[in-house]
Structure formats: structure tokens, C-alpha cells
Amino acid sequence: MNMLNKILLDKYSEILEGVDIEINGSRPWDLQVYNQDLYKSILFNGSLGFGESYMKGW
């Protein structure tokens, strides 16, 4: 994982902690990330990037 992805993962994890969601957690409602490019897609494209990444199976 490159430095930018690590920084973004930490920030997104911090945000999601407030609603009890973990990235790659073991609970049914936790987000599973299969492609690290998801983090940059959200950063640069917002909710559209998140939706497009979901459609790609990231």
C-alpha cells in the first residue's frame, strides 16, 4: 500500500468509526475493500467515485 492510500485509509477509518463501520472488518455491515484504488477514487470523485468503485467490485 502506498503512502497516499495509507493516509486515506486512516482518515476514512476515522470517519466511519463514528457510525460503527470498519474497513475490512468481520461484521456483516463492515466495508470490504478489494482494490486499494478505491481510496483515491473517493478522494477525487466523491460519492460518484464510491458508486463507480462499487460497480467495479472494488
N, C-alpha and C. Protein backbone atom coordinates (compact mmCIF):
# COMPACT_ATOMS: atom_id res chain seq x y z
N MET A 1 0.84 -1.17 0.00
CA MET A 1 0.00 0.00 0.00
C MET A 1 0.89 1.24 0.00
N ASN A 2 0.60 2.15 -0.91
CA ASN A 2 1.42 3.36 -0.96
C ASN A 2 1.01 4.37 0.12
N MET A 3 1.80 5.38 0.29
CA MET A 3 1.61 6.35 1.38
C MET A 3 0.26 7.06 1.30
N LEU A 4 -0.14 7.49 0.09
CA LEU A 4 -1.42 8.18 -0.05
C LEU A 4 -2.57 7.27 0.36
N ASN A 5 -2.56 6.03 -0.11
CA ASN A 5 -3.63 5.10 0.25
C ASN A 5 -3.67 4.87 1.75
N LYS A 6 -2.51 4.80 2.40
CA LYS A 6 -2.46 4.59 3.85
C LYS A 6 -3.06 5.78 4.58
N ILE A 7 -2.72 6.99 4.14
CA ILE A 7 -3.28 8.19 4.76
C ILE A 7 -4.79 8.23 4.59
N LEU A 8 -5.26 7.93 3.37
CA LEU A 8 -6.70 7.94 3.11
C LEU A 8 -7.42 6.85 3.89
N LEU A 9 -6.83 5.66 3.96
CA LEU A 9 -7.43 4.57 4.74
C LEU A 9 -7.59 5.00 6.20
N ASP A 10 -6.58 5.60 6.76
CA ASP A 10 -6.65 6.05 8.16
C ASP A 10 -7.75 7.09 8.34
N LYS A 11 -7.85 8.03 7.42
CA LYS A 11 -8.86 9.09 7.53
C LYS A 11 -10.27 8.53 7.36
N TYR A 12 -10.47 7.67 6.35
CA TYR A 12 -11.80 7.08 6.14
C TYR A 12 -12.18 6.19 7.31
N SER A 13 -11.23 5.46 7.87
CA SER A 13 -11.49 4.62 9.04
C SER A 13 -11.95 5.47 10.22
N GLU A 14 -11.30 6.61 10.39
CA GLU A 14 -11.65 7.53 11.47
C GLU A 14 -13.08 8.05 11.29
N ILE A 15 -13.44 8.39 10.07
CA ILE A 15 -14.79 8.90 9.78
C ILE A 15 -15.83 7.81 10.04
N LEU A 16 -15.57 6.60 9.56
CA LEU A 16 -16.54 5.51 9.69
C LEU A 16 -16.66 4.99 11.11
N GLU A 17 -15.64 5.22 11.92
CA GLU A 17 -15.66 4.78 13.32
C GLU A 17 -16.87 5.38 14.06
N GLY A 18 -17.25 6.58 13.68
CA GLY A 18 -18.38 7.25 14.32
C GLY A 18 -19.72 6.57 14.08
N VAL A 19 -19.82 5.76 13.04
CA VAL A 19 -21.05 5.03 12.75
C VAL A 19 -20.86 3.52 12.87
N ASP A 20 -19.80 3.12 13.58
CA ASP A 20 -19.51 1.72 13.89
C ASP A 20 -19.35 0.85 12.64
N ILE A 21 -18.62 1.36 11.66
CA ILE A 21 -18.29 0.60 10.46
C ILE A 21 -16.78 0.53 10.35
N GLU A 22 -16.26 -0.66 10.08
CA GLU A 22 -14.82 -0.85 9.90
C GLU A 22 -14.53 -1.19 8.45
N ILE A 23 -13.39 -0.76 7.97
CA ILE A 23 -12.94 -1.15 6.64
C ILE A 23 -12.25 -2.50 6.77
N ASN A 24 -12.73 -3.47 6.00
CA ASN A 24 -12.26 -4.86 6.02
C ASN A 24 -12.48 -5.53 7.38
N GLY A 25 -13.54 -5.12 8.06
CA GLY A 25 -13.91 -5.74 9.32
C GLY A 25 -14.62 -7.07 9.09
N SER A 26 -14.93 -7.76 10.17
CA SER A 26 -15.51 -9.10 10.07
C SER A 26 -17.03 -9.12 10.21
N ARG A 27 -17.63 -7.99 10.52
CA ARG A 27 -19.08 -7.97 10.71
C ARG A 27 -19.80 -7.79 9.37
N PRO A 28 -21.05 -8.23 9.30
CA PRO A 28 -21.78 -8.16 8.02
C PRO A 28 -21.90 -6.75 7.45
N TRP A 29 -21.93 -5.73 8.29
CA TRP A 29 -22.11 -4.35 7.81
C TRP A 29 -20.81 -3.61 7.54
N ASP A 30 -19.69 -4.25 7.79
CA ASP A 30 -18.39 -3.62 7.54
C ASP A 30 -18.09 -3.60 6.04
N LEU A 31 -17.36 -2.58 5.60
CA LEU A 31 -16.96 -2.47 4.20
C LEU A 31 -15.79 -3.39 3.90
N GLN A 32 -15.86 -4.06 2.77
CA GLN A 32 -14.75 -4.90 2.30
C GLN A 32 -14.14 -4.23 1.08
N VAL A 33 -12.87 -3.92 1.15
CA VAL A 33 -12.17 -3.25 0.05
C VAL A 33 -11.27 -4.28 -0.64
N TYR A 34 -11.53 -4.51 -1.93
CA TYR A 34 -10.78 -5.49 -2.70
C TYR A 34 -9.75 -4.85 -3.62
N ASN A 35 -9.83 -3.53 -3.78
CA ASN A 35 -8.88 -2.81 -4.64
C ASN A 35 -8.52 -1.50 -3.94
N GLN A 36 -7.26 -1.30 -3.66
CA GLN A 36 -6.80 -0.12 -2.92
C GLN A 36 -7.03 1.19 -3.67
N ASP A 37 -7.32 1.13 -4.97
CA ASP A 37 -7.61 2.34 -5.73
C ASP A 37 -8.93 2.99 -5.31
N LEU A 38 -9.73 2.26 -4.55
CA LEU A 38 -10.99 2.81 -4.04
C LEU A 38 -10.76 4.11 -3.29
N TYR A 39 -9.73 4.16 -2.47
CA TYR A 39 -9.48 5.33 -1.62
C TYR A 39 -9.24 6.58 -2.46
N LYS A 40 -8.46 6.47 -3.52
CA LYS A 40 -8.20 7.63 -4.39
C LYS A 40 -9.44 7.98 -5.20
N SER A 41 -10.20 6.98 -5.60
CA SER A 41 -11.42 7.22 -6.36
C SER A 41 -12.40 8.06 -5.54
N ILE A 42 -12.53 7.75 -4.26
CA ILE A 42 -13.41 8.53 -3.39
C ILE A 42 -12.85 9.94 -3.20
N LEU A 43 -11.54 10.06 -3.01
CA LEU A 43 -10.92 11.37 -2.81
C LEU A 43 -11.16 12.28 -4.00
N PHE A 44 -10.93 11.78 -5.20
CA PHE A 44 -11.00 12.63 -6.39
C PHE A 44 -12.41 12.76 -6.98
N ASN A 45 -13.30 11.79 -6.72
CA ASN A 45 -14.61 11.80 -7.36
C ASN A 45 -15.78 11.76 -6.38
N GLY A 46 -15.51 11.75 -5.10
CA GLY A 46 -16.57 11.79 -4.09
C GLY A 46 -17.50 10.59 -4.16
N SER A 47 -18.80 10.86 -3.96
CA SER A 47 -19.77 9.77 -3.94
C SER A 47 -19.89 9.08 -5.29
N LEU A 48 -19.66 9.81 -6.37
CA LEU A 48 -19.66 9.18 -7.70
C LEU A 48 -18.53 8.17 -7.80
N GLY A 49 -17.36 8.52 -7.30
CA GLY A 49 -16.23 7.59 -7.29
C GLY A 49 -16.51 6.36 -6.45
N PHE A 50 -17.19 6.58 -5.32
CA PHE A 50 -17.56 5.44 -4.47
C PHE A 50 -18.52 4.52 -5.21
N GLY A 51 -19.53 5.10 -5.86
CA GLY A 51 -20.50 4.31 -6.60
C GLY A 51 -19.89 3.57 -7.77
N GLU A 52 -19.01 4.23 -8.51
CA GLU A 52 -18.35 3.58 -9.64
C GLU A 52 -17.45 2.44 -9.15
N SER A 53 -16.79 2.65 -8.03
CA SER A 53 -15.93 1.60 -7.46
C SER A 53 -16.77 0.41 -7.02
N TYR A 54 -17.93 0.69 -6.45
CA TYR A 54 -18.84 -0.39 -6.04
C TYR A 54 -19.25 -1.22 -7.26
N MET A 55 -19.58 -0.53 -8.35
CA MET A 55 -19.99 -1.24 -9.57
C MET A 55 -18.85 -2.07 -10.15
N LYS A 56 -17.61 -1.64 -9.95
CA LYS A 56 -16.44 -2.40 -10.42
C LYS A 56 -16.08 -3.55 -9.49
N GLY A 57 -16.71 -3.60 -8.33
CA GLY A 57 -16.43 -4.66 -7.37
C GLY A 57 -15.19 -4.42 -6.53
N TRP A 58 -14.80 -3.14 -6.41
CA TRP A 58 -13.60 -2.80 -5.65
C TRP A 58 -13.90 -2.87 -4.18
